[in-house]
C-alpha cells in the first residue's frame, strides 16, 4: 500500500465516478473507480479498483480539487 495524493475526479458517461491520484513514492498517476454508476455495464468498472490508463476515455476533464495545507 502506498500513499497517494488526490489530483481530481470526474463522472464518466456511464455514471461511474473516477478519481485520479498521484503515487507519492513513485510519481505515477493512478485512476480508481470511486463509485460505480447505476446503469454502468462495464465489468472493468468495479468500486475501489484501478482503471488502466489505456481504458480511461480520451478528453476526460477532471474536476480540480483545492487542498489547504495545514500550518
PDB file of N, CA and C in Angstrom:
ATOM      1  N   UNK A   1       0.849  -1.172   0.000  1.00  0.00           N
ATOM      2  CA  UNK A   1       0.000   0.000   0.000  1.00  0.00           C
ATOM      3  C   UNK A   1       0.899   1.241   0.000  1.00  0.00           C
ATOM      4  N   UNK A   2       0.565   2.194  -0.846  1.00  0.00           N
ATOM      5  CA  UNK A   2       1.382   3.398  -0.922  1.00  0.00           C
ATOM      6  C   UNK A   2       0.526   4.636  -0.672  1.00  0.00           C
ATOM      7  N   UNK A   3       1.184   5.712  -0.310  1.00  0.00           N
ATOM      8  CA  UNK A   3       0.486   6.971  -0.096  1.00  0.00           C
ATOM      9  C   UNK A   3       0.207   7.633  -1.432  1.00  0.00           C
ATOM     10  N   UNK A   4      -0.984   8.219  -1.545  1.00  0.00           N
ATOM     11  CA  UNK A   4      -1.377   8.877  -2.787  1.00  0.00           C
ATOM     12  C   UNK A   4      -1.941  10.255  -2.477  1.00  0.00           C
ATOM     13  N   UNK A   5      -1.915  11.129  -3.492  1.00  0.00           N
ATOM     14  CA  UNK A   5      -2.493  12.472  -3.380  1.00  0.00           C
ATOM     15  C   UNK A   5      -3.571  12.589  -4.451  1.00  0.00           C
ATOM     16  N   UNK A   6      -4.761  13.023  -4.055  1.00  0.00           N
ATOM     17  CA  UNK A   6      -5.868  13.190  -4.995  1.00  0.00           C
ATOM     18  C   UNK A   6      -5.576  14.361  -5.920  1.00  0.00           C
ATOM     19  N   UNK A   7      -5.640  14.112  -7.233  1.00  0.00           N
ATOM     20  CA  UNK A   7      -5.434  15.156  -8.231  1.00  0.00           C
ATOM     21  C   UNK A   7      -6.755  15.725  -8.725  1.00  0.00           C
ATOM     22  N   UNK A   8      -7.784  14.901  -8.756  1.00  0.00           N
ATOM     23  CA  UNK A   8      -9.082  15.351  -9.239  1.00  0.00           C
ATOM     24  C   UNK A   8     -10.004  14.171  -9.439  1.00  0.00           C
ATOM     25  N   UNK A   9     -11.225  14.459  -9.839  1.00  0.00           N
ATOM     26  CA  UNK A   9     -12.205  13.402 -10.066  1.00  0.00           C
ATOM     27  C   UNK A   9     -13.160  13.837 -11.164  1.00  0.00           C
ATOM     28  N   UNK A  10     -13.871  12.868 -11.723  1.00  0.00           N
ATOM     29  CA  UNK A  10     -14.832  13.157 -12.773  1.00  0.00           C
ATOM     30  C   UNK A  10     -15.901  12.071 -12.794  1.00  0.00           C
ATOM     31  N   UNK A  11     -17.020  12.366 -13.424  1.00  0.00           N
ATOM     32  CA  UNK A  11     -18.062  11.383 -13.648  1.00  0.00           C
ATOM     33  C   UNK A  11     -18.023  10.999 -15.120  1.00  0.00           C
ATOM     34  N   UNK A  12     -17.873   9.717 -15.392  1.00  0.00           N
ATOM     35  CA  UNK A  12     -17.828   9.228 -16.758  1.00  0.00           C
ATOM     36  C   UNK A  12     -19.241   9.171 -17.343  1.00  0.00           C
ATOM     37  N   UNK A  13     -19.341   8.979 -18.661  1.00  0.00           N
ATOM     38  CA  UNK A  13     -20.644   8.906 -19.324  1.00  0.00           C
ATOM     39  C   UNK A  13     -21.503   7.769 -18.791  1.00  0.00           C
ATOM     40  N   UNK A  14     -20.871   6.701 -18.322  1.00  0.00           N
ATOM     41  CA  UNK A  14     -21.615   5.550 -17.806  1.00  0.00           C
ATOM     42  C   UNK A  14     -22.156   5.808 -16.395  1.00  0.00           C
ATOM     43  N   UNK A  15     -21.752   6.912 -15.775  1.00  0.00           N
ATOM     44  CA  UNK A  15     -22.217   7.257 -14.435  1.00  0.00           C
ATOM     45  C   UNK A  15     -21.228   6.950 -13.332  1.00  0.00           C
ATOM     46  N   UNK A  16     -20.128   6.304 -13.669  1.00  0.00           N
ATOM     47  CA  UNK A  16     -19.111   5.975 -12.662  1.00  0.00           C
ATOM     48  C   UNK A  16     -18.311   7.230 -12.292  1.00  0.00           C
ATOM     49  N   UNK A  17     -17.965   7.330 -11.016  1.00  0.00           N
ATOM     50  CA  UNK A  17     -17.130   8.429 -10.535  1.00  0.00           C
ATOM     51  C   UNK A  17     -15.712   7.894 -10.411  1.00  0.00           C
ATOM     52  N   UNK A  18     -14.775   8.566 -11.082  1.00  0.00           N
ATOM     53  CA  UNK A  18     -13.387   8.128 -11.108  1.00  0.00           C
ATOM     54  C   UNK A  18     -12.514   9.220 -10.511  1.00  0.00           C
ATOM     55  N   UNK A  19     -11.636   8.821  -9.611  1.00  0.00           N
ATOM     56  CA  UNK A  19     -10.657   9.737  -9.024  1.00  0.00           C
ATOM     57  C   UNK A  19      -9.288   9.448  -9.587  1.00  0.00           C
ATOM     58  N   UNK A  20      -8.507  10.485  -9.823  1.00  0.00           N
ATOM     59  CA  UNK A  20      -7.143  10.313 -10.313  1.00  0.00           C
ATOM     60  C   UNK A  20      -6.207  10.720  -9.185  1.00  0.00           C
ATOM     61  N   UNK A  21      -5.231   9.858  -8.919  1.00  0.00           N
ATOM     62  CA  UNK A  21      -4.311  10.039  -7.806  1.00  0.00           C
ATOM     63  C   UNK A  21      -2.869   9.996  -8.292  1.00  0.00           C
ATOM     64  N   UNK A  22      -1.994  10.622  -7.520  1.00  0.00           N
ATOM     65  CA  UNK A  22      -0.562  10.580  -7.773  1.00  0.00           C
ATOM     66  C   UNK A  22       0.075   9.775  -6.650  1.00  0.00           C
ATOM     67  N   UNK A  23       0.778   8.694  -7.014  1.00  0.00           N
ATOM     68  CA  UNK A  23       1.514   7.925  -6.010  1.00  0.00           C
ATOM     69  C   UNK A  23       2.711   8.750  -5.561  1.00  0.00           C
ATOM     70  N   UNK A  24       2.828   8.994  -4.283  1.00  0.00           N
ATOM     71  CA  UNK A  24       3.895   9.848  -3.773  1.00  0.00           C
ATOM     72  C   UNK A  24       5.257   9.167  -3.835  1.00  0.00           C
ATOM     73  N   UNK A  25       5.286   7.850  -3.731  1.00  0.00           N
ATOM     74  CA  UNK A  25       6.574   7.156  -3.745  1.00  0.00           C
ATOM     75  C   UNK A  25       7.152   7.007  -5.147  1.00  0.00           C
ATOM     76  N   UNK A  26       6.294   6.781  -6.139  1.00  0.00           N
ATOM     77  CA  UNK A  26       6.798   6.514  -7.480  1.00  0.00           C
ATOM     78  C   UNK A  26       6.512   7.595  -8.496  1.00  0.00           C
ATOM     79  N   UNK A  27       5.586   8.477  -8.195  1.00  0.00           N
ATOM     80  CA  UNK A  27       5.268   9.570  -9.088  1.00  0.00           C
ATOM     81  C   UNK A  27       4.363   9.212 -10.257  1.00  0.00           C
ATOM     82  N   UNK A  28       3.784   8.008 -10.272  1.00  0.00           N
ATOM     83  CA  UNK A  28       2.887   7.664 -11.376  1.00  0.00           C
ATOM     84  C   UNK A  28       1.442   8.008 -11.014  1.00  0.00           C
ATOM     85  N   UNK A  29       0.650   8.273 -12.041  1.00  0.00           N
ATOM     86  CA  UNK A  29      -0.763   8.583 -11.839  1.00  0.00           C
ATOM     87  C   UNK A  29      -1.579   7.308 -11.929  1.00  0.00           C
ATOM     88  N   UNK A  30      -2.585   7.210 -11.049  1.00  0.00           N
ATOM     89  CA  UNK A  30      -3.458   6.055 -10.999  1.00  0.00           C
ATOM     90  C   UNK A  30      -4.895   6.555 -10.939  1.00  0.00           C
ATOM     91  N   UNK A  31      -5.806   5.893 -11.673  1.00  0.00           N
ATOM     92  CA  UNK A  31      -7.227   6.240 -11.643  1.00  0.00           C
ATOM     93  C   UNK A  31      -7.985   5.102 -10.972  1.00  0.00           C
ATOM     94  N   UNK A  32      -8.839   5.457 -10.004  1.00  0.00           N
ATOM     95  CA  UNK A  32      -9.644   4.478  -9.287  1.00  0.00           C
ATOM     96  C   UNK A  32     -11.113   4.792  -9.477  1.00  0.00           C
ATOM     97  N   UNK A  33     -11.941   3.744  -9.580  1.00  0.00           N
ATOM     98  CA  UNK A  33     -13.393   3.914  -9.617  1.00  0.00           C
ATOM     99  C   UNK A  33     -13.827   4.115  -8.170  1.00  0.00           C
ATOM    100  N   UNK A  34     -14.329   5.292  -7.861  1.00  0.00           N
ATOM    101  CA  UNK A  34     -14.794   5.598  -6.509  1.00  0.00           C
ATOM    102  C   UNK A  34     -16.210   5.057  -6.281  1.00  0.00           C
ATOM    103  N   UNK A  35     -17.066   5.261  -7.260  1.00  0.00           N
ATOM    104  CA  UNK A  35     -18.448   4.775  -7.197  1.00  0.00           C
ATOM    105  C   UNK A  35     -18.852   4.284  -8.580  1.00  0.00           C
ATOM    106  N   UNK A  36     -19.503   3.147  -8.641  1.00  0.00           N
ATOM    107  CA  UNK A  36     -19.970   2.609  -9.914  1.00  0.00           C
ATOM    108  C   UNK A  36     -21.336   3.209 -10.223  1.00  0.00           C
ATOM    109  N   UNK A  37     -21.526   3.609 -11.480  1.00  0.00           N
ATOM    110  CA  UNK A  37     -22.807   4.167 -11.916  1.00  0.00           C
ATOM    111  C   UNK A  37     -23.893   3.112 -11.914  1.00  0.00           C
ATOM    112  N   UNK A  38     -25.117   3.524 -11.616  1.00  0.00           N
ATOM    113  CA  UNK A  38     -26.244   2.596 -11.534  1.00  0.00           C
ATOM    114  C   UNK A  38     -26.496   1.887 -12.866  1.00  0.00           C
ATOM    115  N   UNK A  39     -26.254   2.567 -13.977  1.00  0.00           N
ATOM    116  CA  UNK A  39     -26.508   1.973 -15.281  1.00  0.00           C
ATOM    117  C   UNK A  39     -25.265   1.507 -16.005  1.00  0.00           C
ATOM    118  N   UNK A  40     -24.131   1.427 -15.322  1.00  0.00           N
ATOM    119  CA  UNK A  40     -22.873   1.061 -15.965  1.00  0.00           C
ATOM    120  C   UNK A  40     -22.839  -0.442 -16.254  1.00  0.00           C
ATOM    121  N   UNK A  41     -22.559  -0.776 -17.513  1.00  0.00           N
ATOM    122  CA  UNK A  41     -22.496  -2.180 -17.926  1.00  0.00           C
ATOM    123  C   UNK A  41     -21.065  -2.677 -18.090  1.00  0.00           C
ATOM    124  N   UNK A  42     -20.083  -1.847 -17.779  1.00  0.00           N
ATOM    125  CA  UNK A  42     -18.683  -2.241 -17.966  1.00  0.00           C
ATOM    126  C   UNK A  42     -18.200  -3.071 -16.768  1.00  0.00           C
ATOM    127  N   UNK A  43     -17.843  -4.333 -17.006  1.00  0.00           N
ATOM    128  CA  UNK A  43     -17.388  -5.169 -15.885  1.00  0.00           C
ATOM    129  C   UNK A  43     -16.061  -4.713 -15.278  1.00  0.00           C
ATOM    130  N   UNK A  44     -15.266  -3.958 -16.045  1.00  0.00           N
ATOM    131  CA  UNK A  44     -13.982  -3.485 -15.515  1.00  0.00           C
ATOM    132  C   UNK A  44     -14.153  -2.315 -14.550  1.00  0.00           C
ATOM    133  N   UNK A  45     -15.331  -1.692 -14.530  1.00  0.00           N
ATOM    134  CA  UNK A  45     -15.591  -0.597 -13.594  1.00  0.00           C
ATOM    135  C   UNK A  45     -16.121  -1.191 -12.291  1.00  0.00           C
ATOM    136  N   UNK A  46     -15.208  -1.484 -11.385  1.00  0.00           N
ATOM    137  CA  UNK A  46     -15.576  -2.020 -10.075  1.00  0.00           C
ATOM    138  C   UNK A  46     -15.133  -1.042  -9.014  1.00  0.00           C
ATOM    139  N   UNK A  47     -15.985  -0.833  -8.031  1.00  0.00           N
ATOM    140  CA  UNK A  47     -15.697   0.128  -6.969  1.00  0.00           C
ATOM    141  C   UNK A  47     -14.371  -0.210  -6.289  1.00  0.00           C
ATOM    142  N   UNK A  48     -13.560   0.831  -6.043  1.00  0.00           N
ATOM    143  CA  UNK A  48     -12.252   0.735  -5.374  1.00  0.00           C
ATOM    144  C   UNK A  48     -11.227  -0.070  -6.160  1.00  0.00           C
ATOM    145  N   UNK A  49     -11.381  -0.130  -7.483  1.00  0.00           N
ATOM    146  CA  UNK A  49     -10.409  -0.796  -8.330  1.00  0.00           C
ATOM    147  C   UNK A  49      -9.802   0.210  -9.296  1.00  0.00           C
ATOM    148  N   UNK A  50      -8.543  -0.033  -9.625  1.00  0.00           N
ATOM    149  CA  UNK A  50      -7.836   0.847 -10.549  1.00  0.00           C
ATOM    150  C   UNK A  50      -8.291   0.609 -11.979  1.00  0.00           C
ATOM    151  N   UNK A  51      -8.264   1.677 -12.784  1.00  0.00           N
ATOM    152  CA  UNK A  51      -8.536   1.599 -14.210  1.00  0.00           C
ATOM    153  C   UNK A  51      -7.204   1.843 -14.910  1.00  0.00           C
ATOM    154  N   UNK A  52      -6.792   0.926 -15.790  1.00  0.00           N
ATOM    155  CA  UNK A  52      -5.545   1.166 -16.530  1.00  0.00           C
ATOM    156  C   UNK A  52      -5.655   2.445 -17.361  1.00  0.00           C
ATOM    157  N   UNK A  53      -4.577   3.207 -17.489  1.00  0.00           N
ATOM    158  CA  UNK A  53      -4.627   4.460 -18.241  1.00  0.00           C
ATOM    159  C   UNK A  53      -5.162   4.294 -19.663  1.00  0.00           C
ATOM    160  N   UNK A  54      -4.917   3.142 -20.281  1.00  0.00           N
ATOM    161  CA  UNK A  54      -5.389   2.909 -21.643  1.00  0.00           C
ATOM    162  C   UNK A  54      -6.915   2.830 -21.708  1.00  0.00           C
ATOM    163  N   UNK A  55      -7.575   2.535 -20.602  1.00  0.00           N
ATOM    164  CA  UNK A  55      -9.033   2.402 -20.591  1.00  0.00           C
ATOM    165  C   UNK A  55      -9.753   3.686 -20.210  1.00  0.00           C
ATOM    166  N   UNK A  56      -8.999   4.695 -19.778  1.00  0.00           N
ATOM    167  CA  UNK A  56      -9.627   5.986 -19.474  1.00  0.00           C
ATOM    168  C   UNK A  56     -10.010   6.650 -20.785  1.00  0.00           C
ATOM    169  N   UNK A  57     -11.258   7.113 -20.906  1.00  0.00           N
ATOM    170  CA  UNK A  57     -11.666   7.771 -22.152  1.00  0.00           C
ATOM    171  C   UNK A  57     -10.836   9.016 -22.407  1.00  0.00           C
ATOM    172  N   UNK A  58     -10.526   9.255 -23.698  1.00  0.00           N
ATOM    173  CA  UNK A  58      -9.756  10.452 -24.059  1.00  0.00           C
ATOM    174  C   UNK A  58     -10.596  11.699 -23.824  1.00  0.00           C
ATOM    175  N   UNK A  59      -9.934  12.765 -23.439  1.00  0.00           N
ATOM    176  CA  UNK A  59     -10.612  14.041 -23.278  1.00  0.00           C
ATOM    177  C   UNK A  59     -11.399  14.187 -21.990  1.00  0.00           C
ATOM    178  N   UNK A  60     -11.272  13.233 -21.074  1.00  0.00           N
ATOM    179  CA  UNK A  60     -11.996  13.333 -19.800  1.00  0.00           C
ATOM    180  C   UNK A  60     -11.355  14.436 -18.974  1.00  0.00           C
ATOM    181  N   UNK A  61     -12.158  15.400 -18.559  1.00  0.00           N
ATOM    182  CA  UNK A  61     -11.677  16.505 -17.731  1.00  0.00           C
ATOM    183  C   UNK A  61     -11.915  16.156 -16.265  1.00  0.00           C
ATOM    184  N   UNK A  62     -10.927  16.398 -15.447  1.00  0.00           N
ATOM    185  CA  UNK A  62     -11.051  16.164 -14.016  1.00  0.00           C
ATOM    186  C   UNK A  62     -11.465  17.448 -13.327  1.00  0.00           C
ATOM    187  N   UNK A  63     -12.332  17.324 -12.348  1.00  0.00           N
ATOM    188  CA  UNK A  63     -12.677  18.472 -11.519  1.00  0.00           C
ATOM    189  C   UNK A  63     -11.446  18.812 -10.679  1.00  0.00           C
ATOM    190  N   UNK A  64     -11.154  20.076 -10.538  1.00  0.00           N
ATOM    191  CA  UNK A  64      -9.978  20.489  -9.777  1.00  0.00           C
ATOM    192  C   UNK A  64     -10.279  20.386  -8.301  1.00  0.00           C
ATOM    193  N   UNK A  65      -9.363  19.820  -7.583  1.00  0.00           N
ATOM    194  CA  UNK A  65      -9.506  19.661  -6.144  1.00  0.00           C
ATOM    195  C   UNK A  65      -8.569  20.649  -5.472  1.00  0.00           C
ATOM    196  N   UNK A  66      -9.134  21.534  -4.689  1.00  0.00           N
ATOM    197  CA  UNK A  66      -8.319  22.508  -3.956  1.00  0.00           C
ATOM    198  C   UNK A  66      -7.981  21.915  -2.589  1.00  0.00           C
ATOM    199  N   UNK A  67      -6.737  21.947  -2.246  1.00  0.00           N
ATOM    200  CA  UNK A  67      -6.294  21.400  -0.965  1.00  0.00           C
ATOM    201  C   UNK A  67      -5.666  22.513  -0.147  1.00  0.00           C
ATOM    202  N   UNK A  68      -6.086  22.586   1.100  1.00  0.00           N
ATOM    203  CA  UNK A  68      -5.499  23.565   2.018  1.00  0.00           C
ATOM    204  C   UNK A  68      -4.372  22.865   2.773  1.00  0.00           C
ATOM    205  N   UNK A  69      -3.274  23.519   2.885  1.00  0.00           N
ATOM    206  CA  UNK A  69      -2.132  22.952   3.586  1.00  0.00           C
ATOM    207  C   UNK A  69      -2.198  23.385   5.055  1.00  0.00           C
ATOM    208  N   UNK A  70      -2.093  22.424   5.929  1.00  0.00           N
ATOM    209  CA  UNK A  70      -2.119  22.726   7.369  1.00  0.00           C
ATOM    210  C   UNK A  70      -0.834  23.444   7.744  1.00  0.00           C
ATOM    211  N   UNK A  71      -0.951  24.443   8.608  1.00  0.00           N
ATOM    212  CA  UNK A  71       0.251  25.177   9.014  1.00  0.00           C
ATOM    213  C   UNK A  71       0.771  24.685  10.333  1.00  0.00           C
TER     214      UNK A  71
END
